């Protein structure tokens, strides 16, 4: 897991964000991007029970709606009406 996949991660720009708990600046990827012990799954498609069949790029299927469609694993799902944790 990465910091940017945490519910407590706040995006600042395309390279970094901030932990809402520790107030530390953390990178989105690369060195120092691994999640800390206080990690909580964020609202992303990859954590939804309707998301499946992801390929190596994180593109999978959303089966939560009447019409199945593709979805990106790290897409923010905080406002998705069909989001359900796995």
N, C-alpha and C. Protein backbone atom coordinates (compact mmCIF):
# COMPACT_ATOMS: atom_id res chain seq x y z
N UNK A 1 0.83 -1.18 0.00
CA UNK A 1 0.00 0.00 0.00
C UNK A 1 0.88 1.26 0.00
N UNK A 2 0.35 2.30 -0.56
CA UNK A 2 1.05 3.58 -0.66
C UNK A 2 0.29 4.66 0.13
N UNK A 3 1.02 5.69 0.54
CA UNK A 3 0.39 6.81 1.25
C UNK A 3 -0.81 7.35 0.46
N UNK A 4 -0.65 7.47 -0.87
CA UNK A 4 -1.70 8.09 -1.69
C UNK A 4 -2.97 7.26 -1.77
N UNK A 5 -2.95 6.01 -1.26
CA UNK A 5 -4.14 5.16 -1.24
C UNK A 5 -4.86 5.20 0.10
N UNK A 6 -4.37 6.04 0.99
CA UNK A 6 -4.91 6.13 2.35
C UNK A 6 -6.02 7.18 2.42
N UNK A 7 -6.99 6.92 3.27
CA UNK A 7 -8.09 7.87 3.49
C UNK A 7 -7.60 9.17 4.10
N UNK A 8 -6.43 9.14 4.73
CA UNK A 8 -5.88 10.33 5.39
C UNK A 8 -4.92 11.12 4.52
N UNK A 9 -4.77 10.73 3.25
CA UNK A 9 -3.86 11.40 2.34
C UNK A 9 -4.57 12.58 1.67
N UNK A 10 -3.93 13.73 1.70
CA UNK A 10 -4.47 14.94 1.06
C UNK A 10 -3.54 15.32 -0.09
N UNK A 11 -4.03 15.31 -1.31
CA UNK A 11 -3.20 15.65 -2.47
C UNK A 11 -2.84 17.14 -2.44
N UNK A 12 -1.57 17.42 -2.67
CA UNK A 12 -1.12 18.81 -2.76
C UNK A 12 -0.81 19.18 -4.21
N UNK A 13 -0.16 18.30 -4.92
CA UNK A 13 0.13 18.49 -6.34
C UNK A 13 0.39 17.13 -6.97
N UNK A 14 0.97 17.10 -8.17
CA UNK A 14 1.15 15.84 -8.89
C UNK A 14 2.28 14.97 -8.34
N UNK A 15 3.07 15.48 -7.40
CA UNK A 15 4.20 14.73 -6.86
C UNK A 15 4.06 14.36 -5.40
N UNK A 16 3.28 15.12 -4.65
CA UNK A 16 3.26 14.90 -3.20
C UNK A 16 1.89 15.23 -2.60
N UNK A 17 1.77 14.81 -1.36
CA UNK A 17 0.58 15.11 -0.59
C UNK A 17 0.95 15.25 0.87
N UNK A 18 -0.06 15.32 1.73
CA UNK A 18 0.18 15.46 3.15
C UNK A 18 -0.67 14.45 3.90
N UNK A 19 -0.10 13.90 4.94
CA UNK A 19 -0.86 13.03 5.83
C UNK A 19 -1.69 13.92 6.73
N UNK A 20 -2.99 13.73 6.74
CA UNK A 20 -3.88 14.56 7.57
C UNK A 20 -3.67 14.30 9.06
N UNK A 21 -3.10 13.15 9.41
CA UNK A 21 -2.88 12.83 10.82
C UNK A 21 -1.56 13.39 11.34
N UNK A 22 -0.47 13.13 10.60
CA UNK A 22 0.85 13.56 11.06
C UNK A 22 1.27 14.92 10.54
N UNK A 23 0.57 15.44 9.53
CA UNK A 23 0.89 16.70 8.85
C UNK A 23 2.22 16.66 8.11
N UNK A 24 2.75 15.45 7.86
CA UNK A 24 3.99 15.28 7.12
C UNK A 24 3.73 15.31 5.63
N UNK A 25 4.65 15.89 4.87
CA UNK A 25 4.59 15.87 3.41
C UNK A 25 5.13 14.52 2.96
N UNK A 26 4.39 13.82 2.10
CA UNK A 26 4.79 12.49 1.64
C UNK A 26 4.68 12.43 0.11
N UNK A 27 5.61 11.71 -0.54
CA UNK A 27 5.55 11.58 -1.99
C UNK A 27 4.44 10.63 -2.43
N UNK A 28 3.94 10.84 -3.63
CA UNK A 28 2.90 9.96 -4.17
C UNK A 28 3.47 8.61 -4.56
N UNK A 29 4.68 8.61 -5.13
CA UNK A 29 5.32 7.34 -5.46
C UNK A 29 6.83 7.47 -5.26
N UNK A 30 7.54 6.37 -5.43
CA UNK A 30 8.98 6.37 -5.25
C UNK A 30 9.37 6.20 -3.79
N UNK A 31 10.58 6.61 -3.47
CA UNK A 31 11.11 6.47 -2.11
C UNK A 31 10.27 7.24 -1.10
N UNK A 32 9.92 6.57 -0.03
CA UNK A 32 9.14 7.21 1.03
C UNK A 32 7.64 7.19 0.81
N UNK A 33 7.18 6.47 -0.22
CA UNK A 33 5.75 6.48 -0.53
C UNK A 33 4.99 5.31 0.09
N UNK A 34 5.69 4.38 0.73
CA UNK A 34 4.99 3.26 1.36
C UNK A 34 4.15 3.75 2.54
N UNK A 35 3.00 3.12 2.71
CA UNK A 35 2.06 3.54 3.75
C UNK A 35 2.63 3.31 5.15
N UNK A 36 2.17 4.11 6.07
CA UNK A 36 2.59 3.98 7.46
C UNK A 36 1.66 3.02 8.20
N UNK A 37 1.94 2.70 9.45
CA UNK A 37 1.09 1.78 10.23
C UNK A 37 -0.33 2.29 10.46
N UNK A 38 -0.56 3.58 10.28
CA UNK A 38 -1.91 4.13 10.50
C UNK A 38 -2.74 4.16 9.22
N UNK A 39 -2.32 3.42 8.22
CA UNK A 39 -3.00 3.37 6.93
C UNK A 39 -4.45 2.93 7.08
N UNK A 40 -5.34 3.65 6.41
CA UNK A 40 -6.76 3.29 6.30
C UNK A 40 -7.12 3.35 4.82
N UNK A 41 -7.75 2.31 4.31
CA UNK A 41 -8.11 2.30 2.89
C UNK A 41 -8.94 3.52 2.54
N UNK A 42 -8.51 4.20 1.47
CA UNK A 42 -9.24 5.36 0.99
C UNK A 42 -10.45 4.95 0.15
N UNK A 43 -11.14 5.92 -0.38
CA UNK A 43 -12.28 5.66 -1.25
C UNK A 43 -11.78 5.62 -2.69
N UNK A 44 -11.34 4.44 -3.11
CA UNK A 44 -10.83 4.21 -4.46
C UNK A 44 -11.50 2.97 -5.02
N UNK A 45 -11.63 2.92 -6.33
CA UNK A 45 -12.26 1.78 -6.97
C UNK A 45 -11.63 0.45 -6.55
N UNK A 46 -10.31 0.43 -6.38
CA UNK A 46 -9.64 -0.82 -6.04
C UNK A 46 -10.08 -1.39 -4.69
N UNK A 47 -10.68 -0.58 -3.84
CA UNK A 47 -11.15 -1.05 -2.54
C UNK A 47 -12.65 -1.33 -2.53
N UNK A 48 -13.28 -1.28 -3.70
CA UNK A 48 -14.73 -1.51 -3.82
C UNK A 48 -15.00 -2.95 -4.25
N UNK A 49 -16.06 -3.52 -3.71
CA UNK A 49 -16.39 -4.91 -4.06
C UNK A 49 -16.89 -5.05 -5.50
N UNK A 50 -17.26 -3.96 -6.13
CA UNK A 50 -17.75 -4.01 -7.51
C UNK A 50 -16.63 -3.94 -8.54
N UNK A 51 -15.41 -3.65 -8.10
CA UNK A 51 -14.26 -3.54 -9.01
C UNK A 51 -13.59 -4.90 -9.14
N UNK A 52 -13.30 -5.30 -10.38
CA UNK A 52 -12.67 -6.61 -10.60
C UNK A 52 -11.88 -6.64 -11.90
N UNK A 53 -11.13 -7.71 -12.06
CA UNK A 53 -10.40 -8.01 -13.30
C UNK A 53 -9.40 -6.93 -13.70
N UNK A 54 -8.67 -6.39 -12.74
CA UNK A 54 -7.68 -5.35 -13.05
C UNK A 54 -6.49 -5.95 -13.80
N UNK A 55 -6.02 -5.24 -14.82
CA UNK A 55 -4.83 -5.69 -15.54
C UNK A 55 -3.59 -5.10 -14.87
N UNK A 56 -2.42 -5.27 -15.49
CA UNK A 56 -1.18 -4.79 -14.87
C UNK A 56 -1.10 -3.27 -14.77
N UNK A 57 -1.98 -2.57 -15.47
CA UNK A 57 -2.01 -1.11 -15.43
C UNK A 57 -3.07 -0.58 -14.45
N UNK A 58 -3.82 -1.48 -13.81
CA UNK A 58 -4.85 -1.08 -12.87
C UNK A 58 -6.19 -0.78 -13.50
N UNK A 59 -6.36 -1.16 -14.77
CA UNK A 59 -7.65 -0.94 -15.43
C UNK A 59 -8.46 -2.23 -15.31
N UNK A 60 -9.64 -2.10 -14.73
CA UNK A 60 -10.50 -3.25 -14.52
C UNK A 60 -11.93 -2.93 -14.87
N UNK A 61 -12.85 -3.67 -14.29
CA UNK A 61 -14.27 -3.51 -14.57
C UNK A 61 -15.04 -3.11 -13.33
N UNK A 62 -15.99 -2.21 -13.52
CA UNK A 62 -16.92 -1.84 -12.46
C UNK A 62 -18.22 -2.55 -12.76
N UNK A 63 -18.67 -3.38 -11.82
CA UNK A 63 -19.90 -4.14 -12.01
C UNK A 63 -21.00 -3.67 -11.06
N UNK A 64 -20.87 -2.44 -10.57
CA UNK A 64 -21.83 -1.91 -9.60
C UNK A 64 -23.07 -1.28 -10.22
N UNK A 65 -23.03 -1.02 -11.50
CA UNK A 65 -24.15 -0.38 -12.19
C UNK A 65 -24.80 -1.35 -13.17
N UNK A 66 -25.94 -0.99 -13.71
CA UNK A 66 -26.64 -1.85 -14.66
C UNK A 66 -25.75 -2.18 -15.86
N UNK A 67 -25.03 -1.20 -16.34
CA UNK A 67 -24.12 -1.39 -17.47
C UNK A 67 -22.69 -1.48 -16.94
N UNK A 68 -22.05 -2.62 -17.16
CA UNK A 68 -20.66 -2.79 -16.74
C UNK A 68 -19.77 -1.90 -17.58
N UNK A 69 -18.77 -1.28 -16.95
CA UNK A 69 -17.87 -0.38 -17.66
C UNK A 69 -16.47 -0.52 -17.09
N UNK A 70 -15.47 0.00 -17.79
CA UNK A 70 -14.10 -0.06 -17.29
C UNK A 70 -13.92 0.97 -16.19
N UNK A 71 -12.95 0.72 -15.34
CA UNK A 71 -12.64 1.64 -14.25
C UNK A 71 -11.15 1.54 -13.94
N UNK A 72 -10.59 2.63 -13.46
CA UNK A 72 -9.19 2.67 -13.07
C UNK A 72 -9.10 2.42 -11.57
N UNK A 73 -8.22 1.51 -11.15
CA UNK A 73 -8.13 1.09 -9.75
C UNK A 73 -7.96 2.26 -8.79
N UNK A 74 -7.14 3.24 -9.15
CA UNK A 74 -6.88 4.34 -8.23
C UNK A 74 -7.79 5.55 -8.44
N UNK A 75 -8.85 5.35 -9.16
CA UNK A 75 -9.82 6.42 -9.35
C UNK A 75 -10.51 6.72 -8.01
N UNK A 76 -10.64 7.98 -7.68
CA UNK A 76 -11.31 8.36 -6.45
C UNK A 76 -12.79 8.02 -6.51
N UNK A 77 -13.27 7.32 -5.51
CA UNK A 77 -14.67 6.87 -5.51
C UNK A 77 -15.44 7.45 -4.33
N UNK A 78 -14.96 8.55 -3.76
CA UNK A 78 -15.59 9.12 -2.57
C UNK A 78 -17.01 9.61 -2.82
N UNK A 79 -17.36 9.88 -4.07
CA UNK A 79 -18.73 10.34 -4.35
C UNK A 79 -19.52 9.32 -5.16
N UNK A 80 -19.01 8.11 -5.29
CA UNK A 80 -19.71 7.07 -6.05
C UNK A 80 -20.84 6.50 -5.22
N UNK A 81 -22.04 6.55 -5.75
CA UNK A 81 -23.22 6.06 -5.02
C UNK A 81 -23.24 4.56 -4.87
N UNK A 82 -22.46 3.83 -5.66
CA UNK A 82 -22.43 2.37 -5.61
C UNK A 82 -21.22 1.82 -4.85
N UNK A 83 -20.36 2.68 -4.32
CA UNK A 83 -19.15 2.23 -3.63
C UNK A 83 -19.50 1.41 -2.39
N UNK A 84 -18.90 0.21 -2.32
CA UNK A 84 -19.04 -0.66 -1.14
C UNK A 84 -17.68 -1.27 -0.87
N UNK A 85 -17.22 -1.18 0.34
CA UNK A 85 -15.91 -1.76 0.71
C UNK A 85 -15.92 -3.27 0.51
N UNK A 86 -14.77 -3.77 0.11
CA UNK A 86 -14.62 -5.24 -0.03
C UNK A 86 -14.70 -5.89 1.31
